């Protein structure tokens, strides 16, 4: 992840100056969260219209989460090498392009593929926004402004499913993918004119390529095993055991590698901090509850309860 400790935050700013500086970041985060939740209530309609299966229903969500999980630490590492402002803009453009293409999907496989592109963009936004905030705002003031960012994310999370249902009933499910485009354009304009970040130091930085590969293989295999188990293959089958073993070995190897490389993607020393470790566990629990509720309850109420 990006090392923000070597670059001191800028001198004290007024609240107005800070909000101006992070306005593009806030709008970009809102777009990412809104576009991720707005389709949750319309997924049963989307899959039915495109002729998809239950497995594909799950993969529309899993593909995006997989790409986000794998790409987030890589974006953070790139922030040590490349202009952070450019990276934020690239991630927002990738996300927006993926969203627009998703709106023109002609089958479920195409939708799943572009959801991967969306996920890569979201991974960049999730990590780079936090890095940018750390560079702009002093540690003493950071909690106050991170609360604002969290409130915007909560608004997108709660309002997305409601907006998605309204759009689907009014203009069809494809409108869900286009609603965030104007906000994305606004975010790009704001980022260009209001976001000013220090350049990365010209120090020699090594990239943990082996760690990147192990992380991608481990997380991808784990999600494939969990999402397809019980439907595409039996849990107690050779395919299931093979996927589980590959995932376990790749993740274990990734953790081991991170202890010895010069500049790890995820420094294992962070987990010595009890607060950090507990916050990671809490984030996992929140993610499981949020996505399980927003995705599968929508399917249950529409298909089983006729809501």
C-alpha atoms as a PDB file:
ATOM      1  CA  UNK A   1       0.000   0.000   0.000  1.00  0.00           C
ATOM      2  CA  UNK A   2       1.104   3.558  -0.486  1.00  0.00           C
ATOM      3  CA  UNK A   3       3.407   4.976   2.155  1.00  0.00           C
ATOM      4  CA  UNK A   4       1.855   8.278   3.173  1.00  0.00           C
ATOM      5  CA  UNK A   5       4.038   8.707   6.236  1.00  0.00           C
ATOM      6  CA  UNK A   6       6.972  10.131   4.283  1.00  0.00           C
ATOM      7  CA  UNK A   7       4.945  12.976   2.884  1.00  0.00           C
ATOM      8  CA  UNK A   8       3.650  15.368   5.495  1.00  0.00           C
ATOM      9  CA  UNK A   9       0.108  16.646   5.061  1.00  0.00           C
ATOM     10  CA  UNK A  10      -0.218  20.169   3.831  1.00  0.00           C
ATOM     11  CA  UNK A  11      -0.396  23.051   6.340  1.00  0.00           C
ATOM     12  CA  UNK A  12      -3.612  23.687   8.257  1.00  0.00           C
ATOM     13  CA  UNK A  13      -6.519  24.569   5.994  1.00  0.00           C
ATOM     14  CA  UNK A  14      -9.973  25.912   6.667  1.00  0.00           C
ATOM     15  CA  UNK A  15     -12.927  23.538   6.453  1.00  0.00           C
ATOM     16  CA  UNK A  16     -13.980  25.165   3.182  1.00  0.00           C
ATOM     17  CA  UNK A  17     -10.548  24.654   1.636  1.00  0.00           C
ATOM     18  CA  UNK A  18     -10.496  21.005   2.711  1.00  0.00           C
ATOM     19  CA  UNK A  19     -13.967  20.267   1.332  1.00  0.00           C
ATOM     20  CA  UNK A  20     -13.011  21.988  -1.924  1.00  0.00           C
ATOM     21  CA  UNK A  21      -9.877  19.843  -2.152  1.00  0.00           C
ATOM     22  CA  UNK A  22     -11.698  16.558  -1.518  1.00  0.00           C
ATOM     23  CA  UNK A  23     -14.953  17.408  -3.335  1.00  0.00           C
ATOM     24  CA  UNK A  24     -14.000  15.380  -6.415  1.00  0.00           C
ATOM     25  CA  UNK A  25     -12.996  12.437  -4.212  1.00  0.00           C
ATOM     26  CA  UNK A  26     -16.335  12.532  -2.357  1.00  0.00           C
ATOM     27  CA  UNK A  27     -18.351  12.613  -5.595  1.00  0.00           C
ATOM     28  CA  UNK A  28     -16.219   9.810  -7.050  1.00  0.00           C
ATOM     29  CA  UNK A  29     -16.797   7.618  -3.990  1.00  0.00           C
ATOM     30  CA  UNK A  30     -20.516   8.364  -4.113  1.00  0.00           C
ATOM     31  CA  UNK A  31     -20.650   7.267  -7.765  1.00  0.00           C
ATOM     32  CA  UNK A  32     -18.795   4.030  -7.007  1.00  0.00           C
ATOM     33  CA  UNK A  33     -21.005   3.083  -4.061  1.00  0.00           C
ATOM     34  CA  UNK A  34     -24.246   4.141  -5.774  1.00  0.00           C
ATOM     35  CA  UNK A  35     -23.493   2.214  -8.956  1.00  0.00           C
ATOM     36  CA  UNK A  36     -22.657  -0.871  -6.928  1.00  0.00           C
ATOM     37  CA  UNK A  37     -25.905  -0.877  -4.927  1.00  0.00           C
ATOM     38  CA  UNK A  38     -28.360   0.561  -7.446  1.00  0.00           C
ATOM     39  CA  UNK A  39     -28.531  -2.719  -9.399  1.00  0.00           C
ATOM     40  CA  UNK A  40     -29.192  -4.942  -6.376  1.00  0.00           C
ATOM     41  CA  UNK A  41     -32.989  -4.605  -6.486  1.00  0.00           C
ATOM     42  CA  UNK A  42     -33.127  -4.944 -10.283  1.00  0.00           C
ATOM     43  CA  UNK A  43     -30.840  -7.982 -10.590  1.00  0.00           C
ATOM     44  CA  UNK A  44     -33.716 -10.509 -10.793  1.00  0.00           C
ATOM     45  CA  UNK A  45     -35.190  -8.494 -13.681  1.00  0.00           C
ATOM     46  CA  UNK A  46     -31.786  -8.125 -15.370  1.00  0.00           C
ATOM     47  CA  UNK A  47     -30.959 -11.843 -15.190  1.00  0.00           C
ATOM     48  CA  UNK A  48     -34.436 -12.829 -16.380  1.00  0.00           C
ATOM     49  CA  UNK A  49     -34.273 -10.378 -19.295  1.00  0.00           C
ATOM     50  CA  UNK A  50     -30.807 -11.575 -20.362  1.00  0.00           C
ATOM     51  CA  UNK A  51     -31.711 -15.251 -19.922  1.00  0.00           C
ATOM     52  CA  UNK A  52     -29.167 -15.893 -17.175  1.00  0.00           C
ATOM     53  CA  UNK A  53     -28.962 -18.663 -14.569  1.00  0.00           C
ATOM     54  CA  UNK A  54     -28.828 -18.596 -10.769  1.00  0.00           C
ATOM     55  CA  UNK A  55     -25.067 -19.163 -10.924  1.00  0.00           C
ATOM     56  CA  UNK A  56     -24.688 -16.183 -13.260  1.00  0.00           C
ATOM     57  CA  UNK A  57     -26.863 -14.133 -10.905  1.00  0.00           C
ATOM     58  CA  UNK A  58     -24.277 -14.689  -8.196  1.00  0.00           C
ATOM     59  CA  UNK A  59     -21.358 -14.036 -10.535  1.00  0.00           C
ATOM     60  CA  UNK A  60     -22.662 -10.606 -11.533  1.00  0.00           C
ATOM     61  CA  UNK A  61     -21.889  -9.627  -7.926  1.00  0.00           C
ATOM     62  CA  UNK A  62     -18.896 -11.895  -7.348  1.00  0.00           C
ATOM     63  CA  UNK A  63     -17.011 -10.745 -10.469  1.00  0.00           C
ATOM     64  CA  UNK A  64     -17.020  -7.134  -9.303  1.00  0.00           C
ATOM     65  CA  UNK A  65     -16.062  -8.027  -5.722  1.00  0.00           C
ATOM     66  CA  UNK A  66     -13.271 -10.302  -6.936  1.00  0.00           C
ATOM     67  CA  UNK A  67     -11.742  -7.596  -9.131  1.00  0.00           C
ATOM     68  CA  UNK A  68     -12.037  -5.063  -6.310  1.00  0.00           C
ATOM     69  CA  UNK A  69     -10.431  -7.370  -3.738  1.00  0.00           C
ATOM     70  CA  UNK A  70      -7.472  -8.221  -5.974  1.00  0.00           C
ATOM     71  CA  UNK A  71      -6.872  -4.743  -7.388  1.00  0.00           C
ATOM     72  CA  UNK A  72      -7.228  -2.618  -4.221  1.00  0.00           C
ATOM     73  CA  UNK A  73      -3.760  -3.341  -2.728  1.00  0.00           C
ATOM     74  CA  UNK A  74      -2.178  -3.124  -6.200  1.00  0.00           C
ATOM     75  CA  UNK A  75      -3.610   0.361  -6.765  1.00  0.00           C
ATOM     76  CA  UNK A  76      -2.228   1.313  -3.360  1.00  0.00           C
ATOM     77  CA  UNK A  77       1.221   0.136  -4.342  1.00  0.00           C
ATOM     78  CA  UNK A  78       1.052   1.999  -7.662  1.00  0.00           C
ATOM     79  CA  UNK A  79       0.451   5.168  -5.641  1.00  0.00           C
ATOM     80  CA  UNK A  80       4.096   4.901  -4.531  1.00  0.00           C
ATOM     81  CA  UNK A  81       5.218   5.090  -8.164  1.00  0.00           C
ATOM     82  CA  UNK A  82       2.765   7.191 -10.182  1.00  0.00           C
ATOM     83  CA  UNK A  83       1.046  10.560  -9.745  1.00  0.00           C
ATOM     84  CA  UNK A  84      -1.859   9.834  -7.378  1.00  0.00           C
ATOM     85  CA  UNK A  85      -4.176  12.330  -9.037  1.00  0.00           C
ATOM     86  CA  UNK A  86      -3.753  10.600 -12.400  1.00  0.00           C
ATOM     87  CA  UNK A  87      -4.392   7.219 -10.777  1.00  0.00           C
ATOM     88  CA  UNK A  88      -7.640   8.451  -9.213  1.00  0.00           C
ATOM     89  CA  UNK A  89      -8.796   9.773 -12.589  1.00  0.00           C
ATOM     90  CA  UNK A  90      -7.824   6.550 -14.382  1.00  0.00           C
ATOM     91  CA  UNK A  91      -9.705   4.409 -11.850  1.00  0.00           C
ATOM     92  CA  UNK A  92     -12.807   6.616 -12.171  1.00  0.00           C
ATOM     93  CA  UNK A  93     -12.639   6.459 -15.984  1.00  0.00           C
ATOM     94  CA  UNK A  94     -12.276   2.649 -15.926  1.00  0.00           C
ATOM     95  CA  UNK A  95     -15.251   2.387 -13.624  1.00  0.00           C
ATOM     96  CA  UNK A  96     -17.389   4.733 -15.725  1.00  0.00           C
ATOM     97  CA  UNK A  97     -16.530   2.991 -19.009  1.00  0.00           C
ATOM     98  CA  UNK A  98     -17.359  -0.382 -17.468  1.00  0.00           C
ATOM     99  CA  UNK A  99     -20.655   0.969 -16.153  1.00  0.00           C
ATOM    100  CA  UNK A 100     -21.716   2.386 -19.525  1.00  0.00           C
ATOM    101  CA  UNK A 101     -20.817  -0.846 -21.356  1.00  0.00           C
ATOM    102  CA  UNK A 102     -22.780  -2.808 -18.739  1.00  0.00           C
ATOM    103  CA  UNK A 103     -25.844  -0.765 -19.662  1.00  0.00           C
ATOM    104  CA  UNK A 104     -25.611  -2.085 -23.228  1.00  0.00           C
ATOM    105  CA  UNK A 105     -25.113  -5.747 -22.223  1.00  0.00           C
ATOM    106  CA  UNK A 106     -26.722  -8.241 -24.586  1.00  0.00           C
ATOM    107  CA  UNK A 107     -26.182 -11.340 -22.439  1.00  0.00           C
ATOM    108  CA  UNK A 108     -25.197 -12.249 -18.899  1.00  0.00           C
ATOM    109  CA  UNK A 109     -21.619 -13.237 -19.775  1.00  0.00           C
ATOM    110  CA  UNK A 110     -21.002  -9.789 -21.229  1.00  0.00           C
ATOM    111  CA  UNK A 111     -22.421  -8.197 -18.082  1.00  0.00           C
ATOM    112  CA  UNK A 112     -20.170 -10.317 -15.862  1.00  0.00           C
ATOM    113  CA  UNK A 113     -17.106  -9.391 -17.954  1.00  0.00           C
ATOM    114  CA  UNK A 114     -17.692  -5.638 -17.722  1.00  0.00           C
ATOM    115  CA  UNK A 115     -18.431  -5.973 -14.017  1.00  0.00           C
ATOM    116  CA  UNK A 116     -14.791  -7.056 -13.689  1.00  0.00           C
ATOM    117  CA  UNK A 117     -13.750  -3.755 -15.294  1.00  0.00           C
ATOM    118  CA  UNK A 118     -16.041  -1.923 -12.891  1.00  0.00           C
ATOM    119  CA  UNK A 119     -14.475  -3.766  -9.965  1.00  0.00           C
ATOM    120  CA  UNK A 120     -10.952  -2.773 -10.990  1.00  0.00           C
ATOM    121  CA  UNK A 121     -12.042   0.857 -11.070  1.00  0.00           C
ATOM    122  CA  UNK A 122     -13.739   0.571  -7.684  1.00  0.00           C
ATOM    123  CA  UNK A 123     -10.591  -0.992  -6.222  1.00  0.00           C
ATOM    124  CA  UNK A 124      -8.648   2.084  -7.301  1.00  0.00           C
ATOM    125  CA  UNK A 125     -11.202   4.497  -5.893  1.00  0.00           C
ATOM    126  CA  UNK A 126     -11.421   2.697  -2.548  1.00  0.00           C
ATOM    127  CA  UNK A 127      -7.682   2.763  -1.904  1.00  0.00           C
ATOM    128  CA  UNK A 128      -6.685   6.007  -3.615  1.00  0.00           C
ATOM    129  CA  UNK A 129      -9.382   8.125  -1.974  1.00  0.00           C
ATOM    130  CA  UNK A 130      -8.111   7.084   1.461  1.00  0.00           C
ATOM    131  CA  UNK A 131      -4.529   7.791   0.422  1.00  0.00           C
ATOM    132  CA  UNK A 132      -5.462  11.219  -0.942  1.00  0.00           C
ATOM    133  CA  UNK A 133      -7.367  12.136   2.220  1.00  0.00           C
ATOM    134  CA  UNK A 134      -4.352  11.117   4.318  1.00  0.00           C
ATOM    135  CA  UNK A 135      -2.109  13.351   2.203  1.00  0.00           C
ATOM    136  CA  UNK A 136      -4.412  16.375   2.364  1.00  0.00           C
ATOM    137  CA  UNK A 137      -5.652  16.296   5.959  1.00  0.00           C
ATOM    138  CA  UNK A 138      -3.613  16.128   9.158  1.00  0.00           C
ATOM    139  CA  UNK A 139      -4.112  13.113  11.452  1.00  0.00           C
ATOM    140  CA  UNK A 140      -5.747  15.321  14.104  1.00  0.00           C
ATOM    141  CA  UNK A 141      -8.468  16.482  11.685  1.00  0.00           C
ATOM    142  CA  UNK A 142      -8.738  13.331   9.580  1.00  0.00           C
ATOM    143  CA  UNK A 143     -11.443  11.602  11.606  1.00  0.00           C
ATOM    144  CA  UNK A 144     -13.871  14.489  11.157  1.00  0.00           C
ATOM    145  CA  UNK A 145     -13.601  14.476   7.369  1.00  0.00           C
ATOM    146  CA  UNK A 146     -13.517  10.697   7.095  1.00  0.00           C
ATOM    147  CA  UNK A 147     -16.864  10.782   8.879  1.00  0.00           C
ATOM    148  CA  UNK A 148     -18.208  12.877   6.010  1.00  0.00           C
ATOM    149  CA  UNK A 149     -16.836  10.402   3.467  1.00  0.00           C
ATOM    150  CA  UNK A 150     -18.416   7.555   5.448  1.00  0.00           C
ATOM    151  CA  UNK A 151     -21.755   9.391   5.494  1.00  0.00           C
ATOM    152  CA  UNK A 152     -21.672   9.786   1.711  1.00  0.00           C
ATOM    153  CA  UNK A 153     -20.923   6.072   1.326  1.00  0.00           C
ATOM    154  CA  UNK A 154     -23.818   5.242   3.657  1.00  0.00           C
ATOM    155  CA  UNK A 155     -26.143   7.460   1.600  1.00  0.00           C
ATOM    156  CA  UNK A 156     -25.152   5.632  -1.591  1.00  0.00           C
ATOM    157  CA  UNK A 157     -25.520   2.239   0.096  1.00  0.00           C
ATOM    158  CA  UNK A 158     -28.991   2.943   1.503  1.00  0.00           C
ATOM    159  CA  UNK A 159     -30.354   5.018  -1.363  1.00  0.00           C
ATOM    160  CA  UNK A 160     -29.014   2.850  -4.188  1.00  0.00           C
ATOM    161  CA  UNK A 161     -31.491  -0.055  -3.917  1.00  0.00           C
ATOM    162  CA  UNK A 162     -34.447   2.349  -3.577  1.00  0.00           C
ATOM    163  CA  UNK A 163     -33.328   4.363  -6.590  1.00  0.00           C
ATOM    164  CA  UNK A 164     -32.669   1.188  -8.565  1.00  0.00           C
ATOM    165  CA  UNK A 165     -36.187  -0.097  -8.005  1.00  0.00           C
ATOM    166  CA  UNK A 166     -37.685   3.236  -9.061  1.00  0.00           C
ATOM    167  CA  UNK A 167     -35.544   3.459 -12.214  1.00  0.00           C
ATOM    168  CA  UNK A 168     -36.290  -0.141 -13.213  1.00  0.00           C
ATOM    169  CA  UNK A 169     -40.041   0.362 -12.866  1.00  0.00           C
ATOM    170  CA  UNK A 170     -39.936   3.711 -14.704  1.00  0.00           C
ATOM    171  CA  UNK A 171     -37.303   3.472 -17.466  1.00  0.00           C
ATOM    172  CA  UNK A 172     -36.108  -0.133 -17.380  1.00  0.00           C
ATOM    173  CA  UNK A 173     -33.084  -1.790 -15.776  1.00  0.00           C
ATOM    174  CA  UNK A 174     -30.530  -0.363 -18.221  1.00  0.00           C
ATOM    175  CA  UNK A 175     -31.068   3.107 -16.759  1.00  0.00           C
ATOM    176  CA  UNK A 176     -29.468   1.854 -13.521  1.00  0.00           C
ATOM    177  CA  UNK A 177     -26.095   1.778 -15.242  1.00  0.00           C
ATOM    178  CA  UNK A 178     -26.409   5.270 -16.722  1.00  0.00           C
ATOM    179  CA  UNK A 179     -27.621   7.179 -13.659  1.00  0.00           C
ATOM    180  CA  UNK A 180     -24.109   7.551 -12.240  1.00  0.00           C
ATOM    181  CA  UNK A 181     -22.477   8.815 -15.453  1.00  0.00           C
ATOM    182  CA  UNK A 182     -23.312  12.539 -14.917  1.00  0.00           C
ATOM    183  CA  UNK A 183     -21.912  12.315 -11.384  1.00  0.00           C
ATOM    184  CA  UNK A 184     -18.759  10.632 -12.723  1.00  0.00           C
ATOM    185  CA  UNK A 185     -18.241  13.456 -15.228  1.00  0.00           C
ATOM    186  CA  UNK A 186     -18.713  16.028 -12.456  1.00  0.00           C
ATOM    187  CA  UNK A 187     -16.205  14.126 -10.307  1.00  0.00           C
ATOM    188  CA  UNK A 188     -13.601  14.117 -13.115  1.00  0.00           C
ATOM    189  CA  UNK A 189     -13.973  17.883 -13.599  1.00  0.00           C
ATOM    190  CA  UNK A 190     -13.692  18.535  -9.858  1.00  0.00           C
ATOM    191  CA  UNK A 191     -10.664  16.255  -9.571  1.00  0.00           C
ATOM    192  CA  UNK A 192      -8.911  18.101 -12.383  1.00  0.00           C
ATOM    193  CA  UNK A 193      -9.375  21.556 -10.884  1.00  0.00           C
ATOM    194  CA  UNK A 194      -9.541  21.041  -7.114  1.00  0.00           C
ATOM    195  CA  UNK A 195      -7.363  18.031  -6.241  1.00  0.00           C
ATOM    196  CA  UNK A 196      -3.697  18.890  -5.717  1.00  0.00           C
ATOM    197  CA  UNK A 197      -1.542  16.112  -4.278  1.00  0.00           C
ATOM    198  CA  UNK A 198       2.225  15.935  -3.680  1.00  0.00           C
ATOM    199  CA  UNK A 199       4.164  13.914  -6.227  1.00  0.00           C
ATOM    200  CA  UNK A 200       5.593  10.554  -5.117  1.00  0.00           C
ATOM    201  CA  UNK A 201       9.187  10.790  -3.959  1.00  0.00           C
ATOM    202  CA  UNK A 202      11.803   9.813  -6.531  1.00  0.00           C
ATOM    203  CA  UNK A 203      12.992   6.905  -4.426  1.00  0.00           C
ATOM    204  CA  UNK A 204      13.606   3.472  -5.902  1.00  0.00           C
ATOM    205  CA  UNK A 205      10.494   1.359  -5.310  1.00  0.00           C
ATOM    206  CA  UNK A 206      10.320  -2.391  -5.786  1.00  0.00           C
ATOM    207  CA  UNK A 207       7.075  -4.089  -6.799  1.00  0.00           C
ATOM    208  CA  UNK A 208       6.100  -7.396  -5.239  1.00  0.00           C
ATOM    209  CA  UNK A 209       5.087  -9.164  -8.471  1.00  0.00           C
ATOM    210  CA  UNK A 210       5.121 -12.600  -6.856  1.00  0.00           C
ATOM    211  CA  UNK A 211       2.815 -11.359  -4.110  1.00  0.00           C
ATOM    212  CA  UNK A 212       0.438  -9.877  -6.700  1.00  0.00           C
ATOM    213  CA  UNK A 213       0.171 -13.220  -8.516  1.00  0.00           C
ATOM    214  CA  UNK A 214      -0.333 -15.207  -5.296  1.00  0.00           C
ATOM    215  CA  UNK A 215      -2.982 -12.751  -4.059  1.00  0.00           C
ATOM    216  CA  UNK A 216      -4.869 -12.888  -7.366  1.00  0.00           C
ATOM    217  CA  UNK A 217      -4.754 -16.707  -7.525  1.00  0.00           C
ATOM    218  CA  UNK A 218      -5.669 -17.178  -3.862  1.00  0.00           C
ATOM    219  CA  UNK A 219      -8.597 -14.760  -3.722  1.00  0.00           C
ATOM    220  CA  UNK A 220      -9.922 -15.742  -7.169  1.00  0.00           C
ATOM    221  CA  UNK A 221      -9.841 -19.471  -6.419  1.00  0.00           C
ATOM    222  CA  UNK A 222     -11.417 -18.972  -3.003  1.00  0.00           C
ATOM    223  CA  UNK A 223     -14.345 -16.990  -4.429  1.00  0.00           C
ATOM    224  CA  UNK A 224     -14.821 -19.470  -7.284  1.00  0.00           C
ATOM    225  CA  UNK A 225     -14.937 -22.321  -4.772  1.00  0.00           C
ATOM    226  CA  UNK A 226     -17.394 -20.571  -2.446  1.00  0.00           C
ATOM    227  CA  UNK A 227     -19.703 -19.269  -5.186  1.00  0.00           C
ATOM    228  CA  UNK A 228     -19.866 -22.464  -7.290  1.00  0.00           C
ATOM    229  CA  UNK A 229     -19.769 -25.041  -4.526  1.00  0.00           C
ATOM    230  CA  UNK A 230     -23.042 -26.917  -4.138  1.00  0.00           C
ATOM    231  CA  UNK A 231     -24.310 -25.899  -7.594  1.00  0.00           C
ATOM    232  CA  UNK A 232     -21.634 -26.441 -10.245  1.00  0.00           C
ATOM    233  CA  UNK A 233     -20.004 -29.223  -8.223  1.00  0.00           C
ATOM    234  CA  UNK A 234     -20.600 -31.024  -4.930  1.00  0.00           C
ATOM    235  CA  UNK A 235     -18.835 -29.743  -1.833  1.00  0.00           C
ATOM    236  CA  UNK A 236     -17.362 -33.190  -1.190  1.00  0.00           C
ATOM    237  CA  UNK A 237     -15.895 -33.683  -4.669  1.00  0.00           C
ATOM    238  CA  UNK A 238     -12.435 -33.700  -6.210  1.00  0.00           C
ATOM    239  CA  UNK A 239     -13.084 -30.318  -7.869  1.00  0.00           C
ATOM    240  CA  UNK A 240     -14.121 -28.776  -4.571  1.00  0.00           C
ATOM    241  CA  UNK A 241     -11.123 -30.146  -2.698  1.00  0.00           C
ATOM    242  CA  UNK A 242      -8.732 -29.070  -5.466  1.00  0.00           C
ATOM    243  CA  UNK A 243     -10.025 -25.478  -5.458  1.00  0.00           C
ATOM    244  CA  UNK A 244      -9.939 -25.311  -1.658  1.00  0.00           C
ATOM    245  CA  UNK A 245      -6.362 -26.610  -1.479  1.00  0.00           C
ATOM    246  CA  UNK A 246      -5.136 -24.256  -4.234  1.00  0.00           C
ATOM    247  CA  UNK A 247      -6.795 -21.284  -2.524  1.00  0.00           C
ATOM    248  CA  UNK A 248      -5.384 -22.217   0.873  1.00  0.00           C
ATOM    249  CA  UNK A 249      -1.844 -22.780  -0.421  1.00  0.00           C
ATOM    250  CA  UNK A 250      -1.837 -19.571  -2.488  1.00  0.00           C
ATOM    251  CA  UNK A 251      -3.075 -17.434   0.413  1.00  0.00           C
ATOM    252  CA  UNK A 252      -0.637 -19.073   2.847  1.00  0.00           C
ATOM    253  CA  UNK A 253       2.219 -18.519   0.362  1.00  0.00           C
ATOM    254  CA  UNK A 254       1.160 -14.889  -0.089  1.00  0.00           C
ATOM    255  CA  UNK A 255       1.260 -14.294   3.672  1.00  0.00           C
ATOM    256  CA  UNK A 256       4.686 -15.948   3.908  1.00  0.00           C
ATOM    257  CA  UNK A 257       6.071 -13.925   0.991  1.00  0.00           C
ATOM    258  CA  UNK A 258       4.848 -10.662   2.534  1.00  0.00           C
ATOM    259  CA  UNK A 259       7.058 -11.289   5.567  1.00  0.00           C
ATOM    260  CA  UNK A 260      10.248 -11.400   3.493  1.00  0.00           C
ATOM    261  CA  UNK A 261       9.895  -9.074   0.494  1.00  0.00           C
ATOM    262  CA  UNK A 262      11.439  -5.620   0.709  1.00  0.00           C
ATOM    263  CA  UNK A 263       8.222  -3.714   0.023  1.00  0.00           C
ATOM    264  CA  UNK A 264       5.167  -5.920   0.620  1.00  0.00           C
ATOM    265  CA  UNK A 265       1.728  -5.183  -0.838  1.00  0.00           C
ATOM    266  CA  UNK A 266       0.151  -5.848   2.557  1.00  0.00           C
ATOM    267  CA  UNK A 267       2.689  -5.398   5.392  1.00  0.00           C
ATOM    268  CA  UNK A 268       1.959  -8.179   7.876  1.00  0.00           C
ATOM    269  CA  UNK A 269       3.362  -5.975  10.661  1.00  0.00           C
ATOM    270  CA  UNK A 270       0.098  -4.021  10.530  1.00  0.00           C
ATOM    271  CA  UNK A 271      -1.697  -6.955  12.140  1.00  0.00           C
ATOM    272  CA  UNK A 272       0.387  -6.536  15.280  1.00  0.00           C
ATOM    273  CA  UNK A 273      -1.793  -3.525  15.959  1.00  0.00           C
ATOM    274  CA  UNK A 274      -4.878  -4.806  17.772  1.00  0.00           C
ATOM    275  CA  UNK A 275      -7.055  -1.913  16.607  1.00  0.00           C
ATOM    276  CA  UNK A 276      -6.140  -2.532  12.965  1.00  0.00           C
ATOM    277  CA  UNK A 277      -6.794  -6.280  13.224  1.00  0.00           C
ATOM    278  CA  UNK A 278     -10.173  -5.815  14.914  1.00  0.00           C
ATOM    279  CA  UNK A 279     -11.185  -3.197  12.339  1.00  0.00           C
ATOM    280  CA  UNK A 280     -10.382  -5.653   9.519  1.00  0.00           C
ATOM    281  CA  UNK A 281     -12.516  -8.335  11.180  1.00  0.00           C
ATOM    282  CA  UNK A 282     -15.350  -5.831  11.655  1.00  0.00           C
ATOM    283  CA  UNK A 283     -15.107  -4.757   8.000  1.00  0.00           C
ATOM    284  CA  UNK A 284     -15.385  -8.382   6.854  1.00  0.00           C
ATOM    285  CA  UNK A 285     -18.474  -8.901   9.021  1.00  0.00           C
ATOM    286  CA  UNK A 286     -20.082  -5.694   7.740  1.00  0.00           C
ATOM    287  CA  UNK A 287     -19.338  -6.663   4.134  1.00  0.00           C
ATOM    288  CA  UNK A 288     -20.880 -10.123   4.529  1.00  0.00           C
ATOM    289  CA  UNK A 289     -24.018  -8.702   6.139  1.00  0.00           C
ATOM    290  CA  UNK A 290     -24.394  -5.821   3.683  1.00  0.00           C
ATOM    291  CA  UNK A 291     -23.941  -7.744   0.431  1.00  0.00           C
ATOM    292  CA  UNK A 292     -25.919 -10.787   1.564  1.00  0.00           C
ATOM    293  CA  UNK A 293     -28.811  -8.526   2.544  1.00  0.00           C
ATOM    294  CA  UNK A 294     -28.804  -6.201  -0.458  1.00  0.00           C
ATOM    295  CA  UNK A 295     -28.368  -8.941  -3.081  1.00  0.00           C
ATOM    296  CA  UNK A 296     -30.245 -12.025  -1.945  1.00  0.00           C
ATOM    297  CA  UNK A 297     -33.110 -10.439  -0.006  1.00  0.00           C
ATOM    298  CA  UNK A 298     -34.027  -8.515  -3.168  1.00  0.00           C
ATOM    299  CA  UNK A 299     -34.266 -11.817  -5.045  1.00  0.00           C
ATOM    300  CA  UNK A 300     -36.260 -13.446  -2.245  1.00  0.00           C
ATOM    301  CA  UNK A 301     -38.849 -10.684  -1.944  1.00  0.00           C
ATOM    302  CA  UNK A 302     -39.350 -10.354  -5.699  1.00  0.00           C
ATOM    303  CA  UNK A 303     -39.382 -14.012  -6.723  1.00  0.00           C
ATOM    304  CA  UNK A 304     -40.723 -15.715  -3.599  1.00  0.00           C
ATOM    305  CA  UNK A 305     -42.941 -13.014  -2.096  1.00  0.00           C
ATOM    306  CA  UNK A 306     -44.035 -11.225  -5.275  1.00  0.00           C
ATOM    307  CA  UNK A 307     -43.012  -7.804  -3.951  1.00  0.00           C
END
